[in-house]
Protein backbone atom coordinates (compact mmCIF):
# COMPACT_ATOMS: atom_id res chain seq x y z
CA UNK A 1 -0.45 0.43 -0.71
CA UNK A 2 0.82 3.86 -0.79
CA UNK A 3 0.89 6.44 1.09
CA UNK A 4 -1.60 7.92 -0.84
CA UNK A 5 -3.93 5.16 -0.26
CA UNK A 6 -3.63 4.96 3.45
CA UNK A 7 -3.82 9.09 3.43
CA UNK A 8 -6.82 9.07 1.06
CA UNK A 9 -9.57 10.61 2.81
CA UNK A 10 -9.36 13.79 5.66
CA UNK A 11 -10.05 11.26 8.74
CA UNK A 12 -7.56 9.38 7.65
CA UNK A 13 -4.60 11.78 8.42
CA UNK A 14 -3.75 14.21 11.90
CA UNK A 15 -1.58 15.85 13.17
CA UNK A 16 0.59 16.13 15.79
CA UNK A 17 0.74 12.06 16.43
CA UNK A 18 2.82 9.45 14.66
CA UNK A 19 -1.14 7.73 14.81
CA UNK A 20 -3.86 7.81 16.21
CA UNK A 21 -6.66 5.27 16.89
CA UNK A 22 -10.59 6.18 17.02
CA UNK A 23 -11.09 7.51 20.19
CA UNK A 24 -8.69 10.03 18.45
CA UNK A 25 -6.31 7.92 21.30
CA UNK A 26 -3.01 8.12 19.93
CA UNK A 27 -1.37 5.01 19.17
CA UNK A 28 1.38 2.61 17.36
CA UNK A 29 1.17 3.15 14.04
CA UNK A 30 0.77 -0.32 13.61
CA UNK A 31 -1.76 0.01 16.53
CA UNK A 32 -4.72 -2.57 15.08
CA UNK A 33 -6.97 0.63 16.33
CA UNK A 34 -4.71 2.38 14.08
CA UNK A 35 -7.56 4.81 11.90
CA UNK A 36 -5.64 7.61 11.31
CA UNK A 37 -1.97 9.11 10.16
CA UNK A 38 0.39 11.10 10.02
CA UNK A 39 2.46 11.97 7.19
CA UNK A 40 6.02 10.10 8.78
CA UNK A 41 3.64 7.46 10.34
CA UNK A 42 1.50 6.68 7.19
CA UNK A 43 4.67 6.07 5.10
CA UNK A 44 6.42 3.62 8.07
CA UNK A 45 3.07 1.94 8.01
CA UNK A 46 2.88 1.46 4.26
CA UNK A 47 6.97 0.62 4.06
CA UNK A 48 8.11 -2.55 6.88
CA UNK A 49 11.58 -3.04 4.87
CA UNK A 50 13.22 -0.71 6.51
CA UNK A 51 15.76 0.18 3.81
CA UNK A 52 12.86 0.42 1.97
CA UNK A 53 11.40 3.05 4.16
CA UNK A 54 14.59 4.55 5.00
CA UNK A 55 14.40 6.05 0.78
CA UNK A 56 10.61 7.03 1.67
CA UNK A 57 11.30 9.42 4.32
CA UNK A 58 14.22 11.12 2.15
CA UNK A 59 12.65 11.44 -0.75
CA UNK A 60 9.47 13.36 1.55
CA UNK A 61 12.31 14.68 3.03
CA UNK A 62 13.96 16.20 0.08
CA UNK A 63 10.95 17.94 -0.19
CA UNK A 64 10.25 18.74 2.98
CA UNK A 65 12.51 19.40 4.59
CA UNK A 66 11.55 18.01 8.07
CA UNK A 67 8.49 15.75 7.41
CA UNK A 68 6.85 16.74 10.90
CA UNK A 69 6.89 19.86 10.85
CA UNK A 70 5.22 20.76 8.14
CA UNK A 71 3.11 17.81 8.30
CA UNK A 72 1.91 19.41 11.73
CA UNK A 73 2.25 23.57 10.58
CA UNK A 74 -1.58 24.98 12.02
CA UNK A 75 -2.62 25.99 8.68
CA UNK A 76 -1.31 22.56 6.78
CA UNK A 77 -4.22 20.99 4.99
CA UNK A 78 -4.73 17.75 4.18
CA UNK A 79 -5.18 18.26 0.23
CA UNK A 80 -1.75 19.12 0.26
CA UNK A 81 -0.56 16.24 1.88
CA UNK A 82 -2.44 15.33 -0.63
CA UNK A 83 -0.53 16.42 -3.43
CA UNK A 84 2.79 16.12 -1.93
CA UNK A 85 2.22 11.41 -1.76
CA UNK A 86 1.09 12.48 -5.14
CA UNK A 87 3.37 13.87 -7.25
CA UNK A 88 6.26 12.04 -4.93
CA UNK A 89 4.35 8.92 -6.41
CA UNK A 90 4.68 7.64 -2.71
């Protein structure tokens, strides 16, 4: 699964933590109850092989410099996150 598939809807995206469960509490990105992820958390979830994950994180980081700061910017929108992952084909 690619990040753009995981974050396809605004309900699947979050800010401030790597992942949240249906109660909106922070949880592990691979928690069975996880239902929304930040950009970095989505990369960890989607790319489980370490080498592949590092490549993807570097690819995103080359575009936005600081993935968490980009994702968590107060005015950041889901549409901007989706546009980025579609542009990078991740």
